[in-house]
Amino acid sequence: MATVRPRRSPTLRRCPRCKTVGRLYRSHARNAFERFMKMFSPTLALYRCHQCNWRGYMFRRFKSQSRFAFWMTLLGIVLGSILGVGIGWFLLLRFVEVVLGR
């Protein structure tokens, strides 16, 4: 006997392009960047409009207990930026040291 999967329900959000309501569905990640965003950003989700075929990121709607995920995402972005600048600065100093021969 075949298993019948329930149809995904659309969100009752408005499409940013065509402004229709009830035609946005969650979309699957297609490439490495989208998988990265899906893994490390619990506040953003991919959506696709079945009316105009728009596809892009929108903020998820959170319940009050899920605000923790929002703050953890924000903290991750800030700490990741600080770490990235620190590593970039370190590499720049090492490069200058090697080039100038100090």
PDB file of N, CA and C in Angstrom:
ATOM      1  N   MET A   1       0.837  -1.173   0.000  1.00  0.00           N
ATOM      2  CA  MET A   1       0.000   0.000   0.000  1.00  0.00           C
ATOM      3  C   MET A   1       0.887   1.242   0.000  1.00  0.00           C
ATOM      4  N   ALA A   2       0.565   2.180  -0.825  1.00  0.00           N
ATOM      5  CA  ALA A   2       1.365   3.396  -0.970  1.00  0.00           C
ATOM      6  C   ALA A   2       1.107   4.348   0.191  1.00  0.00           C
ATOM      7  N   THR A   3       2.166   4.997   0.619  1.00  0.00           N
ATOM      8  CA  THR A   3       2.044   5.982   1.688  1.00  0.00           C
ATOM      9  C   THR A   3       1.640   7.317   1.087  1.00  0.00           C
ATOM     10  N   VAL A   4       0.631   7.917   1.643  1.00  0.00           N
ATOM     11  CA  VAL A   4       0.166   9.214   1.165  1.00  0.00           C
ATOM     12  C   VAL A   4       0.760  10.288   2.058  1.00  0.00           C
ATOM     13  N   ARG A   5       1.523  11.166   1.453  1.00  0.00           N
ATOM     14  CA  ARG A   5       2.112  12.267   2.209  1.00  0.00           C
ATOM     15  C   ARG A   5       1.159  13.448   2.215  1.00  0.00           C
ATOM     16  N   PRO A   6       1.015  14.079   3.356  1.00  0.00           N
ATOM     17  CA  PRO A   6       0.155  15.268   3.370  1.00  0.00           C
ATOM     18  C   PRO A   6       0.811  16.409   2.610  1.00  0.00           C
ATOM     19  N   ARG A   7       0.009  17.193   1.944  1.00  0.00           N
ATOM     20  CA  ARG A   7       0.530  18.328   1.189  1.00  0.00           C
ATOM     21  C   ARG A   7       0.980  19.414   2.158  1.00  0.00           C
ATOM     22  N   ARG A   8       2.119  20.019   1.846  1.00  0.00           N
ATOM     23  CA  ARG A   8       2.607  21.106   2.691  1.00  0.00           C
ATOM     24  C   ARG A   8       1.658  22.284   2.596  1.00  0.00           C
ATOM     25  N   SER A   9       1.409  22.889   3.713  1.00  0.00           N
ATOM     26  CA  SER A   9       0.505  24.039   3.692  1.00  0.00           C
ATOM     27  C   SER A   9       1.305  25.319   3.471  1.00  0.00           C
ATOM     28  N   PRO A  10       0.752  26.247   2.736  1.00  0.00           N
ATOM     29  CA  PRO A  10       1.453  27.512   2.516  1.00  0.00           C
ATOM     30  C   PRO A  10       1.398  28.373   3.773  1.00  0.00           C
ATOM     31  N   THR A  11       2.330  29.272   3.869  1.00  0.00           N
ATOM     32  CA  THR A  11       2.269  30.227   4.965  1.00  0.00           C
ATOM     33  C   THR A  11       1.344  31.360   4.561  1.00  0.00           C
ATOM     34  N   LEU A  12       0.741  31.972   5.522  1.00  0.00           N
ATOM     35  CA  LEU A  12      -0.166  33.082   5.227  1.00  0.00           C
ATOM     36  C   LEU A  12       0.602  34.394   5.247  1.00  0.00           C
ATOM     37  N   ARG A  13       1.690  34.401   4.524  1.00  0.00           N
ATOM     38  CA  ARG A  13       2.510  35.602   4.414  1.00  0.00           C
ATOM     39  C   ARG A  13       2.396  36.143   3.005  1.00  0.00           C
ATOM     40  N   ARG A  14       2.718  37.413   2.864  1.00  0.00           N
ATOM     41  CA  ARG A  14       2.609  38.098   1.575  1.00  0.00           C
ATOM     42  C   ARG A  14       3.928  37.971   0.809  1.00  0.00           C
ATOM     43  N   CYS A  15       3.824  37.636  -0.465  1.00  0.00           N
ATOM     44  CA  CYS A  15       4.996  37.544  -1.334  1.00  0.00           C
ATOM     45  C   CYS A  15       5.564  38.947  -1.544  1.00  0.00           C
ATOM     46  N   PRO A  16       6.891  39.130  -1.409  1.00  0.00           N
ATOM     47  CA  PRO A  16       7.484  40.457  -1.597  1.00  0.00           C
ATOM     48  C   PRO A  16       7.381  40.976  -3.030  1.00  0.00           C
ATOM     49  N   ARG A  17       7.295  40.083  -4.014  1.00  0.00           N
ATOM     50  CA  ARG A  17       7.257  40.518  -5.402  1.00  0.00           C
ATOM     51  C   ARG A  17       5.828  40.763  -5.899  1.00  0.00           C
ATOM     52  N   CYS A  18       4.967  39.757  -5.815  1.00  0.00           N
ATOM     53  CA  CYS A  18       3.631  39.889  -6.415  1.00  0.00           C
ATOM     54  C   CYS A  18       2.545  40.239  -5.401  1.00  0.00           C
ATOM     55  N   LYS A  19       2.878  40.263  -4.125  1.00  0.00           N
ATOM     56  CA  LYS A  19       1.974  40.670  -3.036  1.00  0.00           C
ATOM     57  C   LYS A  19       0.792  39.735  -2.817  1.00  0.00           C
ATOM     58  N   THR A  20       0.812  38.516  -3.361  1.00  0.00           N
ATOM     59  CA  THR A  20      -0.278  37.580  -3.095  1.00  0.00           C
ATOM     60  C   THR A  20      -0.080  36.929  -1.734  1.00  0.00           C
ATOM     61  N   VAL A  21      -1.178  36.528  -1.123  1.00  0.00           N
ATOM     62  CA  VAL A  21      -1.138  35.903   0.201  1.00  0.00           C
ATOM     63  C   VAL A  21      -1.487  34.427   0.050  1.00  0.00           C
ATOM     64  N   GLY A  22      -0.778  33.575   0.786  1.00  0.00           N
ATOM     65  CA  GLY A  22      -1.095  32.158   0.794  1.00  0.00           C
ATOM     66  C   GLY A  22      -0.456  31.347  -0.309  1.00  0.00           C
ATOM     67  N   ARG A  23       0.522  31.892  -1.000  1.00  0.00           N
ATOM     68  CA  ARG A  23       1.190  31.161  -2.079  1.00  0.00           C
ATOM     69  C   ARG A  23       2.672  30.923  -1.787  1.00  0.00           C
ATOM     70  N   LEU A  24       3.142  31.271  -0.578  1.00  0.00           N
ATOM     71  CA  LEU A  24       4.542  31.044  -0.212  1.00  0.00           C
ATOM     72  C   LEU A  24       4.693  29.677   0.433  1.00  0.00           C
ATOM     73  N   TYR A  25       5.661  28.914  -0.059  1.00  0.00           N
ATOM     74  CA  TYR A  25       5.982  27.614   0.498  1.00  0.00           C
ATOM     75  C   TYR A  25       7.457  27.606   0.863  1.00  0.00           C
ATOM     76  N   ARG A  26       7.832  26.781   1.827  1.00  0.00           N
ATOM     77  CA  ARG A  26       9.238  26.629   2.166  1.00  0.00           C
ATOM     78  C   ARG A  26       9.958  25.989   0.988  1.00  0.00           C
ATOM     79  N   SER A  27      11.191  26.409   0.747  1.00  0.00           N
ATOM     80  CA  SER A  27      11.982  25.917  -0.373  1.00  0.00           C
ATOM     81  C   SER A  27      13.209  25.180   0.147  1.00  0.00           C
ATOM     82  N   HIS A  28      13.676  24.202  -0.611  1.00  0.00           N
ATOM     83  CA  HIS A  28      14.867  23.445  -0.230  1.00  0.00           C
ATOM     84  C   HIS A  28      16.131  24.199  -0.639  1.00  0.00           C
ATOM     85  N   ALA A  29      17.212  23.977   0.113  1.00  0.00           N
ATOM     86  CA  ALA A  29      18.506  24.569  -0.222  1.00  0.00           C
ATOM     87  C   ALA A  29      19.044  23.909  -1.488  1.00  0.00           C
ATOM     88  N   ARG A  30      19.573  24.713  -2.404  1.00  0.00           N
ATOM     89  CA  ARG A  30      20.047  24.202  -3.693  1.00  0.00           C
ATOM     90  C   ARG A  30      21.564  24.126  -3.814  1.00  0.00           C
ATOM     91  N   ASN A  31      22.288  24.945  -3.049  1.00  0.00           N
ATOM     92  CA  ASN A  31      23.743  24.956  -3.201  1.00  0.00           C
ATOM     93  C   ASN A  31      24.402  25.050  -1.828  1.00  0.00           C
ATOM     94  N   ALA A  32      25.724  25.106  -1.813  1.00  0.00           N
ATOM     95  CA  ALA A  32      26.472  25.086  -0.559  1.00  0.00           C
ATOM     96  C   ALA A  32      26.180  26.318   0.296  1.00  0.00           C
ATOM     97  N   PHE A  33      26.057  27.491  -0.329  1.00  0.00           N
ATOM     98  CA  PHE A  33      25.773  28.702   0.438  1.00  0.00           C
ATOM     99  C   PHE A  33      24.422  28.602   1.133  1.00  0.00           C
ATOM    100  N   GLU A  34      23.417  28.101   0.424  1.00  0.00           N
ATOM    101  CA  GLU A  34      22.090  27.980   1.014  1.00  0.00           C
ATOM    102  C   GLU A  34      22.065  26.938   2.126  1.00  0.00           C
ATOM    103  N   ARG A  35      22.832  25.856   1.975  1.00  0.00           N
ATOM    104  CA  ARG A  35      22.921  24.868   3.057  1.00  0.00           C
ATOM    105  C   ARG A  35      23.626  25.466   4.267  1.00  0.00           C
ATOM    106  N   PHE A  36      24.663  26.290   4.021  1.00  0.00           N
ATOM    107  CA  PHE A  36      25.366  26.968   5.110  1.00  0.00           C
ATOM    108  C   PHE A  36      24.419  27.901   5.857  1.00  0.00           C
ATOM    109  N   MET A  37      23.645  28.682   5.102  1.00  0.00           N
ATOM    110  CA  MET A  37      22.693  29.606   5.723  1.00  0.00           C
ATOM    111  C   MET A  37      21.628  28.848   6.518  1.00  0.00           C
ATOM    112  N   LYS A  38      21.201  27.726   5.993  1.00  0.00           N
ATOM    113  CA  LYS A  38      20.183  26.929   6.676  1.00  0.00           C
ATOM    114  C   LYS A  38      20.722  26.367   7.987  1.00  0.00           C
ATOM    115  N   MET A  39      21.996  25.957   7.978  1.00  0.00           N
ATOM    116  CA  MET A  39      22.582  25.340   9.155  1.00  0.00           C
ATOM    117  C   MET A  39      22.892  26.365  10.246  1.00  0.00           C
ATOM    118  N   PHE A  40      23.368  27.552   9.858  1.00  0.00           N
ATOM    119  CA  PHE A  40      23.850  28.508  10.839  1.00  0.00           C
ATOM    120  C   PHE A  40      22.937  29.703  11.066  1.00  0.00           C
ATOM    121  N   SER A  41      21.789  29.740  10.450  1.00  0.00           N
ATOM    122  CA  SER A  41      20.879  30.861  10.659  1.00  0.00           C
ATOM    123  C   SER A  41      19.467  30.358  10.938  1.00  0.00           C
ATOM    124  N   PRO A  42      19.158  30.119  12.201  1.00  0.00           N
ATOM    125  CA  PRO A  42      17.811  29.641  12.514  1.00  0.00           C
ATOM    126  C   PRO A  42      16.739  30.710  12.362  1.00  0.00           C
ATOM    127  N   THR A  43      17.104  31.956  12.119  1.00  0.00           N
ATOM    128  CA  THR A  43      16.103  33.014  11.984  1.00  0.00           C
ATOM    129  C   THR A  43      15.665  33.228  10.547  1.00  0.00           C
ATOM    130  N   LEU A  44      16.457  32.773   9.570  1.00  0.00           N
ATOM    131  CA  LEU A  44      16.107  32.951   8.159  1.00  0.00           C
ATOM    132  C   LEU A  44      15.695  31.619   7.548  1.00  0.00           C
ATOM    133  N   ALA A  45      14.757  31.674   6.629  1.00  0.00           N
ATOM    134  CA  ALA A  45      14.318  30.471   5.931  1.00  0.00           C
ATOM    135  C   ALA A  45      14.074  30.809   4.464  1.00  0.00           C
ATOM    136  N   LEU A  46      14.299  29.820   3.599  1.00  0.00           N
ATOM    137  CA  LEU A  46      14.053  29.982   2.167  1.00  0.00           C
ATOM    138  C   LEU A  46      12.575  29.754   1.874  1.00  0.00           C
ATOM    139  N   TYR A  47      12.007  30.652   1.074  1.00  0.00           N
ATOM    140  CA  TYR A  47      10.617  30.522   0.651  1.00  0.00           C
ATOM    141  C   TYR A  47      10.544  30.665  -0.858  1.00  0.00           C
ATOM    142  N   ARG A  48       9.473  30.103  -1.446  1.00  0.00           N
ATOM    143  CA  ARG A  48       9.229  30.255  -2.871  1.00  0.00           C
ATOM    144  C   ARG A  48       7.751  30.524  -3.068  1.00  0.00           C
ATOM    145  N   CYS A  49       7.458  31.480  -3.939  1.00  0.00           N
ATOM    146  CA  CYS A  49       6.074  31.833  -4.252  1.00  0.00           C
ATOM    147  C   CYS A  49       5.621  31.007  -5.454  1.00  0.00           C
ATOM    148  N   HIS A  50       4.506  30.330  -5.316  1.00  0.00           N
ATOM    149  CA  HIS A  50       3.980  29.526  -6.422  1.00  0.00           C
ATOM    150  C   HIS A  50       3.254  30.382  -7.456  1.00  0.00           C
ATOM    151  N   GLN A  51       3.008  31.639  -7.147  1.00  0.00           N
ATOM    152  CA  GLN A  51       2.321  32.532  -8.087  1.00  0.00           C
ATOM    153  C   GLN A  51       3.310  33.144  -9.092  1.00  0.00           C
ATOM    154  N   CYS A  52       4.370  33.780  -8.575  1.00  0.00           N
ATOM    155  CA  CYS A  52       5.307  34.493  -9.457  1.00  0.00           C
ATOM    156  C   CYS A  52       6.687  33.837  -9.532  1.00  0.00           C
ATOM    157  N   ASN A  53       6.893  32.729  -8.785  1.00  0.00           N
ATOM    158  CA  ASN A  53       8.146  31.981  -8.759  1.00  0.00           C
ATOM    159  C   ASN A  53       9.288  32.738  -8.081  1.00  0.00           C
ATOM    160  N   TRP A  54       8.965  33.731  -7.249  1.00  0.00           N
ATOM    161  CA  TRP A  54       9.992  34.410  -6.461  1.00  0.00           C
ATOM    162  C   TRP A  54      10.575  33.410  -5.479  1.00  0.00           C
ATOM    163  N   ARG A  55      11.869  33.508  -5.231  1.00  0.00           N
ATOM    164  CA  ARG A  55      12.534  32.629  -4.277  1.00  0.00           C
ATOM    165  C   ARG A  55      13.543  33.446  -3.507  1.00  0.00           C
ATOM    166  N   GLY A  56      13.485  33.361  -2.187  1.00  0.00           N
ATOM    167  CA  GLY A  56      14.425  34.122  -1.388  1.00  0.00           C
ATOM    168  C   GLY A  56      14.250  33.869   0.094  1.00  0.00           C
ATOM    169  N   TYR A  57      15.024  34.622   0.883  1.00  0.00           N
ATOM    170  CA  TYR A  57      15.019  34.465   2.329  1.00  0.00           C
ATOM    171  C   TYR A  57      14.011  35.401   2.967  1.00  0.00           C
ATOM    172  N   MET A  58      13.369  34.901   3.994  1.00  0.00           N
ATOM    173  CA  MET A  58      12.491  35.712   4.827  1.00  0.00           C
ATOM    174  C   MET A  58      12.721  35.282   6.269  1.00  0.00           C
ATOM    175  N   PHE A  59      12.448  36.191   7.193  1.00  0.00           N
ATOM    176  CA  PHE A  59      12.560  35.835   8.597  1.00  0.00           C
ATOM    177  C   PHE A  59      11.438  34.885   8.971  1.00  0.00           C
ATOM    178  N   ARG A  60      11.778  33.889   9.760  1.00  0.00           N
ATOM    179  CA  ARG A  60      10.758  32.984  10.274  1.00  0.00           C
ATOM    180  C   ARG A  60       9.964  33.704  11.343  1.00  0.00           C
ATOM    181  N   ARG A  61       8.753  33.263  11.529  1.00  0.00           N
ATOM    182  CA  ARG A  61       7.953  33.798  12.625  1.00  0.00           C
ATOM    183  C   ARG A  61       8.236  32.945  13.851  1.00  0.00           C
ATOM    184  N   PHE A  62       8.524  33.614  14.940  1.00  0.00           N
ATOM    185  CA  PHE A  62       8.895  32.907  16.155  1.00  0.00           C
ATOM    186  C   PHE A  62       7.804  32.977  17.196  1.00  0.00           C
ATOM    187  N   LYS A  63       7.724  31.922  17.966  1.00  0.00           N
ATOM    188  CA  LYS A  63       6.931  31.960  19.181  1.00  0.00           C
ATOM    189  C   LYS A  63       7.810  32.615  20.235  1.00  0.00           C
ATOM    190  N   SER A  64       7.224  32.990  21.346  1.00  0.00           N
ATOM    191  CA  SER A  64       7.992  33.721  22.359  1.00  0.00           C
ATOM    192  C   SER A  64       9.160  32.903  22.899  1.00  0.00           C
ATOM    193  N   GLN A  65       9.034  31.578  23.014  1.00  0.00           N
ATOM    194  CA  GLN A  65      10.124  30.780  23.554  1.00  0.00           C
ATOM    195  C   GLN A  65      11.262  30.602  22.548  1.00  0.00           C
ATOM    196  N   SER A  66      11.050  30.955  21.288  1.00  0.00           N
ATOM    197  CA  SER A  66      12.093  30.795  20.280  1.00  0.00           C
ATOM    198  C   SER A  66      12.931  32.057  20.101  1.00  0.00           C
ATOM    199  N   ARG A  67      12.714  33.049  20.900  1.00  0.00           N
ATOM    200  CA  ARG A  67      13.548  34.253  20.798  1.00  0.00           C
ATOM    201  C   ARG A  67      14.997  33.940  21.142  1.00  0.00           C
ATOM    202  N   PHE A  68      15.183  32.875  21.894  1.00  0.00           N
ATOM    203  CA  PHE A  68      16.531  32.422  22.211  1.00  0.00           C
ATOM    204  C   PHE A  68      17.315  32.150  20.924  1.00  0.00           C
ATOM    205  N   ALA A  69      16.671  31.528  19.942  1.00  0.00           N
ATOM    206  CA  ALA A  69      17.339  31.236  18.666  1.00  0.00           C
ATOM    207  C   ALA A  69      17.750  32.522  17.962  1.00  0.00           C
ATOM    208  N   PHE A  70      16.908  33.552  18.031  1.00  0.00           N
ATOM    209  CA  PHE A  70      17.241  34.832  17.414  1.00  0.00           C
ATOM    210  C   PHE A  70      18.490  35.429  18.058  1.00  0.00           C
ATOM    211  N   TRP A  71      18.529  35.451  19.387  1.00  0.00           N
ATOM    212  CA  TRP A  71      19.675  36.047  20.080  1.00  0.00           C
ATOM    213  C   TRP A  71      20.941  35.217  19.888  1.00  0.00           C
ATOM    214  N   MET A  72      20.796  33.912  19.806  1.00  0.00           N
ATOM    215  CA  MET A  72      21.967  33.079  19.549  1.00  0.00           C
ATOM    216  C   MET A  72      22.499  33.308  18.133  1.00  0.00           C
ATOM    217  N   THR A  73      21.611  33.512  17.181  1.00  0.00           N
ATOM    218  CA  THR A  73      22.046  33.823  15.816  1.00  0.00           C
ATOM    219  C   THR A  73      22.770  35.155  15.776  1.00  0.00           C
ATOM    220  N   LEU A  74      22.210  36.149  16.430  1.00  0.00           N
ATOM    221  CA  LEU A  74      22.842  37.463  16.478  1.00  0.00           C
ATOM    222  C   LEU A  74      24.208  37.382  17.149  1.00  0.00           C
ATOM    223  N   LEU A  75      24.296  36.649  18.243  1.00  0.00           N
ATOM    224  CA  LEU A  75      25.573  36.466  18.931  1.00  0.00           C
ATOM    225  C   LEU A  75      26.580  35.763  18.019  1.00  0.00           C
ATOM    226  N   GLY A  76      26.129  34.750  17.274  1.00  0.00           N
ATOM    227  CA  GLY A  76      27.014  34.043  16.347  1.00  0.00           C
ATOM    228  C   GLY A  76      27.539  34.943  15.245  1.00  0.00           C
ATOM    229  N   ILE A  77      26.678  35.824  14.735  1.00  0.00           N
ATOM    230  CA  ILE A  77      27.101  36.755  13.688  1.00  0.00           C
ATOM    231  C   ILE A  77      28.144  37.722  14.227  1.00  0.00           C
ATOM    232  N   VAL A  78      27.901  38.263  15.413  1.00  0.00           N
ATOM    233  CA  VAL A  78      28.842  39.225  16.006  1.00  0.00           C
ATOM    234  C   VAL A  78      30.174  38.552  16.318  1.00  0.00           C
ATOM    235  N   LEU A  79      30.129  37.397  16.981  1.00  0.00           N
ATOM    236  CA  LEU A  79      31.379  36.712  17.323  1.00  0.00           C
ATOM    237  C   LEU A  79      32.124  36.230  16.073  1.00  0.00           C
ATOM    238  N   GLY A  80      31.391  35.769  15.073  1.00  0.00           N
ATOM    239  CA  GLY A  80      32.027  35.352  13.823  1.00  0.00           C
ATOM    240  C   GLY A  80      32.699  36.511  13.113  1.00  0.00           C
ATOM    241  N   SER A  81      32.067  37.681  13.154  1.00  0.00           N
ATOM    242  CA  SER A  81      32.665  38.871  12.533  1.00  0.00           C
ATOM    243  C   SER A  81      33.932  39.284  13.260  1.00  0.00           C
ATOM    244  N   ILE A  82      33.879  39.280  14.582  1.00  0.00           N
ATOM    245  CA  ILE A  82      35.064  39.644  15.370  1.00  0.00           C
ATOM    246  C   ILE A  82      36.198  38.654  15.103  1.00  0.00           C
ATOM    247  N   LEU A  83      35.874  37.377  15.077  1.00  0.00           N
ATOM    248  CA  LEU A  83      36.885  36.357  14.806  1.00  0.00           C
ATOM    249  C   LEU A  83      37.461  36.519  13.399  1.00  0.00           C
ATOM    250  N   GLY A  84      36.610  36.799  12.421  1.00  0.00           N
ATOM    251  CA  GLY A  84      37.076  36.996  11.049  1.00  0.00           C
ATOM    252  C   GLY A  84      38.007  38.187  10.917  1.00  0.00           C
ATOM    253  N   VAL A  85      37.667  39.295  11.578  1.00  0.00           N
ATOM    254  CA  VAL A  85      38.533  40.483  11.541  1.00  0.00           C
ATOM    255  C   VAL A  85      39.857  40.182  12.232  1.00  0.00           C
ATOM    256  N   GLY A  86      39.811  39.466  13.348  1.00  0.00           N
ATOM    257  CA  GLY A  86      41.041  39.118  14.064  1.00  0.00           C
ATOM    258  C   GLY A  86      41.962  38.240  13.237  1.00  0.00           C
ATOM    259  N   ILE A  87      41.405  37.246  12.593  1.00  0.00           N
ATOM    260  CA  ILE A  87      42.213  36.358  11.745  1.00  0.00           C
ATOM    261  C   ILE A  87      42.760  37.119  10.542  1.00  0.00           C
ATOM    262  N   GLY A  88      41.937  37.977   9.951  1.00  0.00           N
ATOM    263  CA  GLY A  88      42.402  38.791   8.827  1.00  0.00           C
ATOM    264  C   GLY A  88      43.547  39.708   9.222  1.00  0.00           C
ATOM    265  N   TRP A  89      43.423  40.339  10.386  1.00  0.00           N
ATOM    266  CA  TRP A  89      44.479  41.228  10.887  1.00  0.00           C
ATOM    267  C   TRP A  89      45.766  40.446  11.132  1.00  0.00           C
ATOM    268  N   PHE A  90      45.664  39.265  11.746  1.00  0.00           N
ATOM    269  CA  PHE A  90      46.825  38.428  12.006  1.00  0.00           C
ATOM    270  C   PHE A  90      47.513  38.040  10.696  1.00  0.00           C
ATOM    271  N   LEU A  91      46.728  37.609   9.712  1.00  0.00           N
ATOM    272  CA  LEU A  91      47.312  37.215   8.427  1.00  0.00           C
ATOM    273  C   LEU A  91      47.954  38.395   7.710  1.00  0.00           C
ATOM    274  N   LEU A  92      47.344  39.564   7.811  1.00  0.00           N
ATOM    275  CA  LEU A  92      47.919  40.761   7.200  1.00  0.00           C
ATOM    276  C   LEU A  92      49.259  41.104   7.841  1.00  0.00           C
ATOM    277  N   LEU A  93      49.335  41.045   9.161  1.00  0.00           N
ATOM    278  CA  LEU A  93      50.600  41.334   9.847  1.00  0.00           C
ATOM    279  C   LEU A  93      51.680  40.318   9.477  1.00  0.00           C
ATOM    280  N   ARG A  94      51.311  39.036   9.388  1.00  0.00           N
ATOM    281  CA  ARG A  94      52.287  38.014   9.005  1.00  0.00           C
ATOM    282  C   ARG A  94      52.769  38.232   7.567  1.00  0.00           C
ATOM    283  N   PHE A  95      51.861  38.617   6.673  1.00  0.00           N
ATOM    284  CA  PHE A  95      52.222  38.872   5.285  1.00  0.00           C
ATOM    285  C   PHE A  95      53.185  40.049   5.185  1.00  0.00           C
ATOM    286  N   VAL A  96      52.886  41.120   5.901  1.00  0.00           N
ATOM    287  CA  VAL A  96      53.762  42.299   5.887  1.00  0.00           C
ATOM    288  C   VAL A  96      55.119  41.944   6.473  1.00  0.00           C
ATOM    289  N   GLU A  97      55.135  41.135   7.525  1.00  0.00           N
ATOM    290  CA  GLU A  97      56.390  40.717   8.145  1.00  0.00           C
ATOM    291  C   GLU A  97      57.243  39.905   7.167  1.00  0.00           C
ATOM    292  N   VAL A  98      56.623  39.024   6.412  1.00  0.00           N
ATOM    293  CA  VAL A  98      57.358  38.196   5.452  1.00  0.00           C
ATOM    294  C   VAL A  98      57.852  39.046   4.283  1.00  0.00           C
ATOM    295  N   VAL A  99      57.011  39.948   3.783  1.00  0.00           N
ATOM    296  CA  VAL A  99      57.379  40.764   2.629  1.00  0.00           C
ATOM    297  C   VAL A  99      58.484  41.754   2.987  1.00  0.00           C
ATOM    298  N   LEU A 100      58.357  42.404   4.120  1.00  0.00           N
ATOM    299  CA  LEU A 100      59.360  43.400   4.506  1.00  0.00           C
ATOM    300  C   LEU A 100      60.577  42.775   5.166  1.00  0.00           C
ATOM    301  N   GLY A 101      60.504  41.504   5.561  1.00  0.00           N
ATOM    302  CA  GLY A 101      61.646  40.792   6.117  1.00  0.00           C
ATOM    303  C   GLY A 101      62.053  41.257   7.492  1.00  0.00           C
ATOM    304  N   ARG A 102      61.091  41.625   8.294  1.00  0.00           N
ATOM    305  CA  ARG A 102      61.444  42.070   9.657  1.00  0.00           C
ATOM    306  C   ARG A 102      61.744  40.928  10.560  1.00  0.00           C
TER     307      ARG A 102
END
